[in-house]
Amino acid sequence: MAKVDDVSEMVGSTAGKIWAFLDQNESYGVSKMVKVLQIEDKWVQRGIGWLALEGKVFISIVNRAETITLIRE
């Protein structure tokens, strides 16, 4: 079983990769993002949650497809 510190580090690292990816692409579907970033879905979902809690992304669902959009300040 992974240590809490290891999990937090992985989630934070994944959130950083997602943010950098969205900085270049602005808005992207979650399933496509998983394929492009080549990171397991569970880590991408956790990273998105981290960014959402920080107010960095907007999550929309259209026709059952989740799209993540970077919030520009």
PDB file of N, CA and C in Angstrom:
ATOM      1  N   MET A   1       0.841  -1.185   0.000  1.00  0.00           N
ATOM      2  CA  MET A   1       0.000   0.000   0.000  1.00  0.00           C
ATOM      3  C   MET A   1       0.889   1.252   0.000  1.00  0.00           C
ATOM      4  N   ALA A   2       0.504   2.242  -0.776  1.00  0.00           N
ATOM      5  CA  ALA A   2       1.290   3.470  -0.891  1.00  0.00           C
ATOM      6  C   ALA A   2       1.129   4.328   0.362  1.00  0.00           C
ATOM      7  N   LYS A   3       2.187   5.021   0.724  1.00  0.00           N
ATOM      8  CA  LYS A   3       2.145   5.941   1.850  1.00  0.00           C
ATOM      9  C   LYS A   3       1.368   7.187   1.442  1.00  0.00           C
ATOM     10  N   VAL A   4       0.790   7.860   2.428  1.00  0.00           N
ATOM     11  CA  VAL A   4       0.023   9.078   2.173  1.00  0.00           C
ATOM     12  C   VAL A   4       0.883  10.116   1.472  1.00  0.00           C
ATOM     13  N   ASP A   5       2.142  10.257   1.903  1.00  0.00           N
ATOM     14  CA  ASP A   5       3.044  11.232   1.286  1.00  0.00           C
ATOM     15  C   ASP A   5       3.263  10.922  -0.187  1.00  0.00           C
ATOM     16  N   ASP A   6       3.412   9.637  -0.519  1.00  0.00           N
ATOM     17  CA  ASP A   6       3.620   9.222  -1.908  1.00  0.00           C
ATOM     18  C   ASP A   6       2.390   9.535  -2.760  1.00  0.00           C
ATOM     19  N   VAL A   7       1.217   9.274  -2.200  1.00  0.00           N
ATOM     20  CA  VAL A   7      -0.029   9.536  -2.925  1.00  0.00           C
ATOM     21  C   VAL A   7      -0.198  11.037  -3.144  1.00  0.00           C
ATOM     22  N   SER A   8       0.028  11.824  -2.102  1.00  0.00           N
ATOM     23  CA  SER A   8      -0.088  13.280  -2.224  1.00  0.00           C
ATOM     24  C   SER A   8       0.885  13.819  -3.261  1.00  0.00           C
ATOM     25  N   GLU A   9       2.095  13.272  -3.260  1.00  0.00           N
ATOM     26  CA  GLU A   9       3.100  13.708  -4.231  1.00  0.00           C
ATOM     27  C   GLU A   9       2.659  13.366  -5.660  1.00  0.00           C
ATOM     28  N   MET A  10       2.114  12.185  -5.852  1.00  0.00           N
ATOM     29  CA  MET A  10       1.657  11.765  -7.183  1.00  0.00           C
ATOM     30  C   MET A  10       0.491  12.624  -7.655  1.00  0.00           C
ATOM     31  N   VAL A  11      -0.455  12.889  -6.763  1.00  0.00           N
ATOM     32  CA  VAL A  11      -1.602  13.726  -7.127  1.00  0.00           C
ATOM     33  C   VAL A  11      -1.137  15.139  -7.469  1.00  0.00           C
ATOM     34  N   GLY A  12      -0.248  15.691  -6.658  1.00  0.00           N
ATOM     35  CA  GLY A  12       0.272  17.035  -6.919  1.00  0.00           C
ATOM     36  C   GLY A  12       1.056  17.098  -8.215  1.00  0.00           C
ATOM     37  N   SER A  13       1.862  16.104  -8.466  1.00  0.00           N
ATOM     38  CA  SER A  13       2.640  16.039  -9.704  1.00  0.00           C
ATOM     39  C   SER A  13       1.721  15.943 -10.918  1.00  0.00           C
ATOM     40  N   THR A  14       0.705  15.112 -10.804  1.00  0.00           N
ATOM     41  CA  THR A  14      -0.252  14.959 -11.904  1.00  0.00           C
ATOM     42  C   THR A  14      -1.018  16.256 -12.128  1.00  0.00           C
ATOM     43  N   ALA A  15      -1.408  16.923 -11.060  1.00  0.00           N
ATOM     44  CA  ALA A  15      -2.104  18.205 -11.188  1.00  0.00           C
ATOM     45  C   ALA A  15      -1.231  19.215 -11.940  1.00  0.00           C
ATOM     46  N   GLY A  16       0.057  19.230 -11.638  1.00  0.00           N
ATOM     47  CA  GLY A  16       0.979  20.130 -12.348  1.00  0.00           C
ATOM     48  C   GLY A  16       1.069  19.813 -13.825  1.00  0.00           C
ATOM     49  N   LYS A  17       1.094  18.537 -14.167  1.00  0.00           N
ATOM     50  CA  LYS A  17       1.146  18.128 -15.578  1.00  0.00           C
ATOM     51  C   LYS A  17      -0.142  18.508 -16.297  1.00  0.00           C
ATOM     52  N   ILE A  18      -1.273  18.327 -15.618  1.00  0.00           N
ATOM     53  CA  ILE A  18      -2.558  18.702 -16.216  1.00  0.00           C
ATOM     54  C   ILE A  18      -2.605  20.206 -16.440  1.00  0.00           C
ATOM     55  N   TRP A  19      -2.183  20.978 -15.445  1.00  0.00           N
ATOM     56  CA  TRP A  19      -2.203  22.436 -15.572  1.00  0.00           C
ATOM     57  C   TRP A  19      -1.336  22.876 -16.756  1.00  0.00           C
ATOM     58  N   ALA A  20      -0.141  22.325 -16.866  1.00  0.00           N
ATOM     59  CA  ALA A  20       0.756  22.681 -17.973  1.00  0.00           C
ATOM     60  C   ALA A  20       0.134  22.296 -19.315  1.00  0.00           C
ATOM     61  N   PHE A  21      -0.500  21.136 -19.361  1.00  0.00           N
ATOM     62  CA  PHE A  21      -1.154  20.685 -20.586  1.00  0.00           C
ATOM     63  C   PHE A  21      -2.296  21.629 -20.966  1.00  0.00           C
ATOM     64  N   LEU A  22      -3.131  21.978 -19.987  1.00  0.00           N
ATOM     65  CA  LEU A  22      -4.245  22.888 -20.268  1.00  0.00           C
ATOM     66  C   LEU A  22      -3.767  24.301 -20.576  1.00  0.00           C
ATOM     67  N   ASP A  23      -2.630  24.682 -20.051  1.00  0.00           N
ATOM     68  CA  ASP A  23      -2.065  25.997 -20.366  1.00  0.00           C
ATOM     69  C   ASP A  23      -1.781  26.100 -21.865  1.00  0.00           C
ATOM     70  N   GLN A  24      -1.439  24.980 -22.483  1.00  0.00           N
ATOM     71  CA  GLN A  24      -1.185  24.944 -23.930  1.00  0.00           C
ATOM     72  C   GLN A  24      -2.461  24.684 -24.739  1.00  0.00           C
ATOM     73  N   ASN A  25      -3.442  24.008 -24.137  1.00  0.00           N
ATOM     74  CA  ASN A  25      -4.632  23.578 -24.869  1.00  0.00           C
ATOM     75  C   ASN A  25      -5.928  24.221 -24.382  1.00  0.00           C
ATOM     76  N   GLU A  26      -5.902  24.856 -23.252  1.00  0.00           N
ATOM     77  CA  GLU A  26      -6.995  25.567 -22.601  1.00  0.00           C
ATOM     78  C   GLU A  26      -8.175  24.697 -22.171  1.00  0.00           C
ATOM     79  N   SER A  27      -8.721  23.883 -23.065  1.00  0.00           N
ATOM     80  CA  SER A  27      -9.874  23.055 -22.742  1.00  0.00           C
ATOM     81  C   SER A  27      -9.698  21.694 -23.410  1.00  0.00           C
ATOM     82  N   TYR A  28     -10.034  20.626 -22.671  1.00  0.00           N
ATOM     83  CA  TYR A  28      -9.782  19.292 -23.223  1.00  0.00           C
ATOM     84  C   TYR A  28     -10.672  18.270 -22.533  1.00  0.00           C
ATOM     85  N   GLY A  29     -11.079  17.256 -23.275  1.00  0.00           N
ATOM     86  CA  GLY A  29     -11.865  16.168 -22.718  1.00  0.00           C
ATOM     87  C   GLY A  29     -11.000  15.290 -21.832  1.00  0.00           C
ATOM     88  N   VAL A  30     -11.576  14.801 -20.748  1.00  0.00           N
ATOM     89  CA  VAL A  30     -10.817  14.007 -19.786  1.00  0.00           C
ATOM     90  C   VAL A  30     -10.297  12.717 -20.407  1.00  0.00           C
ATOM     91  N   SER A  31     -11.128  11.988 -21.113  1.00  0.00           N
ATOM     92  CA  SER A  31     -10.686  10.706 -21.675  1.00  0.00           C
ATOM     93  C   SER A  31      -9.553  10.893 -22.681  1.00  0.00           C
ATOM     94  N   LYS A  32      -9.618  11.963 -23.460  1.00  0.00           N
ATOM     95  CA  LYS A  32      -8.542  12.241 -24.417  1.00  0.00           C
ATOM     96  C   LYS A  32      -7.270  12.676 -23.678  1.00  0.00           C
ATOM     97  N   MET A  33      -7.447  13.437 -22.605  1.00  0.00           N
ATOM     98  CA  MET A  33      -6.303  13.902 -21.822  1.00  0.00           C
ATOM     99  C   MET A  33      -5.553  12.713 -21.216  1.00  0.00           C
ATOM    100  N   VAL A  34      -6.292  11.728 -20.726  1.00  0.00           N
ATOM    101  CA  VAL A  34      -5.676  10.521 -20.154  1.00  0.00           C
ATOM    102  C   VAL A  34      -4.778   9.859 -21.196  1.00  0.00           C
ATOM    103  N   LYS A  35      -5.257   9.756 -22.423  1.00  0.00           N
ATOM    104  CA  LYS A  35      -4.482   9.121 -23.494  1.00  0.00           C
ATOM    105  C   LYS A  35      -3.251   9.939 -23.865  1.00  0.00           C
ATOM    106  N   VAL A  36      -3.423  11.244 -23.981  1.00  0.00           N
ATOM    107  CA  VAL A  36      -2.304  12.102 -24.382  1.00  0.00           C
ATOM    108  C   VAL A  36      -1.230  12.156 -23.296  1.00  0.00           C
ATOM    109  N   LEU A  37      -1.646  12.313 -22.046  1.00  0.00           N
ATOM    110  CA  LEU A  37      -0.682  12.422 -20.954  1.00  0.00           C
ATOM    111  C   LEU A  37      -0.092  11.070 -20.561  1.00  0.00           C
ATOM    112  N   GLN A  38      -0.762  10.005 -20.951  1.00  0.00           N
ATOM    113  CA  GLN A  38      -0.330   8.641 -20.623  1.00  0.00           C
ATOM    114  C   GLN A  38      -0.172   8.446 -19.119  1.00  0.00           C
ATOM    115  N   ILE A  39      -1.196   8.913 -18.406  1.00  0.00           N
ATOM    116  CA  ILE A  39      -1.273   8.766 -16.953  1.00  0.00           C
ATOM    117  C   ILE A  39      -2.591   8.055 -16.663  1.00  0.00           C
ATOM    118  N   GLU A  40      -2.558   7.123 -15.704  1.00  0.00           N
ATOM    119  CA  GLU A  40      -3.764   6.379 -15.362  1.00  0.00           C
ATOM    120  C   GLU A  40      -4.930   7.307 -15.042  1.00  0.00           C
ATOM    121  N   ASP A  41      -6.116   6.902 -15.467  1.00  0.00           N
ATOM    122  CA  ASP A  41      -7.331   7.685 -15.269  1.00  0.00           C
ATOM    123  C   ASP A  41      -7.521   8.114 -13.816  1.00  0.00           C
ATOM    124  N   LYS A  42      -7.268   7.197 -12.876  1.00  0.00           N
ATOM    125  CA  LYS A  42      -7.499   7.537 -11.461  1.00  0.00           C
ATOM    126  C   LYS A  42      -6.618   8.696 -11.005  1.00  0.00           C
ATOM    127  N   TRP A  43      -5.382   8.773 -11.511  1.00  0.00           N
ATOM    128  CA  TRP A  43      -4.494   9.871 -11.135  1.00  0.00           C
ATOM    129  C   TRP A  43      -4.909  11.167 -11.809  1.00  0.00           C
ATOM    130  N   VAL A  44      -5.346  11.077 -13.063  1.00  0.00           N
ATOM    131  CA  VAL A  44      -5.828  12.277 -13.767  1.00  0.00           C
ATOM    132  C   VAL A  44      -7.055  12.827 -13.044  1.00  0.00           C
ATOM    133  N   GLN A  45      -7.983  11.957 -12.664  1.00  0.00           N
ATOM    134  CA  GLN A  45      -9.181  12.415 -11.952  1.00  0.00           C
ATOM    135  C   GLN A  45      -8.814  13.081 -10.624  1.00  0.00           C
ATOM    136  N   ARG A  46      -7.868  12.510  -9.918  1.00  0.00           N
ATOM    137  CA  ARG A  46      -7.431  13.102  -8.646  1.00  0.00           C
ATOM    138  C   ARG A  46      -6.743  14.446  -8.870  1.00  0.00           C
ATOM    139  N   GLY A  47      -5.925  14.521  -9.910  1.00  0.00           N
ATOM    140  CA  GLY A  47      -5.263  15.785 -10.240  1.00  0.00           C
ATOM    141  C   GLY A  47      -6.257  16.864 -10.620  1.00  0.00           C
ATOM    142  N   ILE A  48      -7.286  16.484 -11.357  1.00  0.00           N
ATOM    143  CA  ILE A  48      -8.343  17.434 -11.721  1.00  0.00           C
ATOM    144  C   ILE A  48      -9.053  17.921 -10.460  1.00  0.00           C
ATOM    145  N   GLY A  49      -9.324  17.010  -9.543  1.00  0.00           N
ATOM    146  CA  GLY A  49      -9.958  17.394  -8.279  1.00  0.00           C
ATOM    147  C   GLY A  49      -9.118  18.394  -7.505  1.00  0.00           C
ATOM    148  N   TRP A  50      -7.812  18.150  -7.469  1.00  0.00           N
ATOM    149  CA  TRP A  50      -6.875  19.066  -6.790  1.00  0.00           C
ATOM    150  C   TRP A  50      -6.983  20.463  -7.411  1.00  0.00           C
ATOM    151  N   LEU A  51      -6.924  20.512  -8.757  1.00  0.00           N
ATOM    152  CA  LEU A  51      -6.997  21.799  -9.459  1.00  0.00           C
ATOM    153  C   LEU A  51      -8.358  22.470  -9.265  1.00  0.00           C
ATOM    154  N   ALA A  52      -9.421  21.682  -9.227  1.00  0.00           N
ATOM    155  CA  ALA A  52     -10.763  22.235  -9.015  1.00  0.00           C
ATOM    156  C   ALA A  52     -10.873  22.860  -7.625  1.00  0.00           C
ATOM    157  N   LEU A  53     -10.326  22.184  -6.617  1.00  0.00           N
ATOM    158  CA  LEU A  53     -10.354  22.734  -5.262  1.00  0.00           C
ATOM    159  C   LEU A  53      -9.582  24.047  -5.167  1.00  0.00           C
ATOM    160  N   GLU A  54      -8.546  24.177  -5.974  1.00  0.00           N
ATOM    161  CA  GLU A  54      -7.751  25.415  -5.995  1.00  0.00           C
ATOM    162  C   GLU A  54      -8.379  26.487  -6.885  1.00  0.00           C
ATOM    163  N   GLY A  55      -9.484  26.158  -7.570  1.00  0.00           N
ATOM    164  CA  GLY A  55     -10.140  27.127  -8.447  1.00  0.00           C
ATOM    165  C   GLY A  55      -9.398  27.358  -9.752  1.00  0.00           C
ATOM    166  N   LYS A  56      -8.600  26.381 -10.174  1.00  0.00           N
ATOM    167  CA  LYS A  56      -7.776  26.528 -11.377  1.00  0.00           C
ATOM    168  C   LYS A  56      -8.451  26.006 -12.644  1.00  0.00           C
ATOM    169  N   VAL A  57      -9.481  25.153 -12.484  1.00  0.00           N
ATOM    170  CA  VAL A  57     -10.156  24.583 -13.650  1.00  0.00           C
ATOM    171  C   VAL A  57     -11.672  24.622 -13.461  1.00  0.00           C
ATOM    172  N   PHE A  58     -12.357  24.598 -14.593  1.00  0.00           N
ATOM    173  CA  PHE A  58     -13.811  24.496 -14.639  1.00  0.00           C
ATOM    174  C   PHE A  58     -14.135  23.156 -15.281  1.00  0.00           C
ATOM    175  N   ILE A  59     -15.035  22.407 -14.678  1.00  0.00           N
ATOM    176  CA  ILE A  59     -15.417  21.102 -15.202  1.00  0.00           C
ATOM    177  C   ILE A  59     -16.824  21.200 -15.770  1.00  0.00           C
ATOM    178  N   SER A  60     -16.975  20.815 -17.022  1.00  0.00           N
ATOM    179  CA  SER A  60     -18.306  20.798 -17.632  1.00  0.00           C
ATOM    180  C   SER A  60     -18.582  19.404 -18.180  1.00  0.00           C
ATOM    181  N   ILE A  61     -19.855  19.045 -18.197  1.00  0.00           N
ATOM    182  CA  ILE A  61     -20.261  17.753 -18.737  1.00  0.00           C
ATOM    183  C   ILE A  61     -21.288  18.005 -19.824  1.00  0.00           C
ATOM    184  N   VAL A  62     -20.949  17.578 -21.042  1.00  0.00           N
ATOM    185  CA  VAL A  62     -21.834  17.718 -22.184  1.00  0.00           C
ATOM    186  C   VAL A  62     -21.978  16.346 -22.818  1.00  0.00           C
ATOM    187  N   ASN A  63     -23.200  15.886 -22.934  1.00  0.00           N
ATOM    188  CA  ASN A  63     -23.462  14.554 -23.501  1.00  0.00           C
ATOM    189  C   ASN A  63     -22.620  13.481 -22.825  1.00  0.00           C
ATOM    190  N   ARG A  64     -22.556  13.521 -21.503  1.00  0.00           N
ATOM    191  CA  ARG A  64     -21.835  12.542 -20.677  1.00  0.00           C
ATOM    192  C   ARG A  64     -20.317  12.589 -20.824  1.00  0.00           C
ATOM    193  N   ALA A  65     -19.795  13.569 -21.518  1.00  0.00           N
ATOM    194  CA  ALA A  65     -18.339  13.712 -21.672  1.00  0.00           C
ATOM    195  C   ALA A  65     -17.858  14.883 -20.806  1.00  0.00           C
ATOM    196  N   GLU A  66     -16.876  14.608 -19.949  1.00  0.00           N
ATOM    197  CA  GLU A  66     -16.309  15.650 -19.096  1.00  0.00           C
ATOM    198  C   GLU A  66     -15.258  16.437 -19.869  1.00  0.00           C
ATOM    199  N   THR A  67     -15.356  17.760 -19.780  1.00  0.00           N
ATOM    200  CA  THR A  67     -14.359  18.641 -20.379  1.00  0.00           C
ATOM    201  C   THR A  67     -13.797  19.526 -19.276  1.00  0.00           C
ATOM    202  N   ILE A  68     -12.497  19.671 -19.283  1.00  0.00           N
ATOM    203  CA  ILE A  68     -11.811  20.479 -18.275  1.00  0.00           C
ATOM    204  C   ILE A  68     -11.262  21.723 -18.966  1.00  0.00           C
ATOM    205  N   THR A  69     -11.551  22.873 -18.380  1.00  0.00           N
ATOM    206  CA  THR A  69     -11.103  24.134 -18.944  1.00  0.00           C
ATOM    207  C   THR A  69     -10.279  24.879 -17.905  1.00  0.00           C
ATOM    208  N   LEU A  70      -9.136  25.369 -18.322  1.00  0.00           N
ATOM    209  CA  LEU A  70      -8.265  26.139 -17.438  1.00  0.00           C
ATOM    210  C   LEU A  70      -8.891  27.504 -17.193  1.00  0.00           C
ATOM    211  N   ILE A  71      -8.927  27.920 -15.935  1.00  0.00           N
ATOM    212  CA  ILE A  71      -9.445  29.237 -15.581  1.00  0.00           C
ATOM    213  C   ILE A  71      -8.267  30.208 -15.593  1.00  0.00           C
ATOM    214  N   ARG A  72      -8.342  31.162 -16.469  1.00  0.00           N
ATOM    215  CA  ARG A  72      -7.279  32.187 -16.572  1.00  0.00           C
ATOM    216  C   ARG A  72      -7.618  33.325 -15.646  1.00  0.00           C
ATOM    217  N   GLU A  73      -6.671  33.752 -14.864  1.00  0.00           N
ATOM    218  CA  GLU A  73      -6.907  34.852 -13.912  1.00  0.00           C
ATOM    219  C   GLU A  73      -6.546  36.175 -14.502  1.00  0.00           C
TER     220      GLU A  73
END
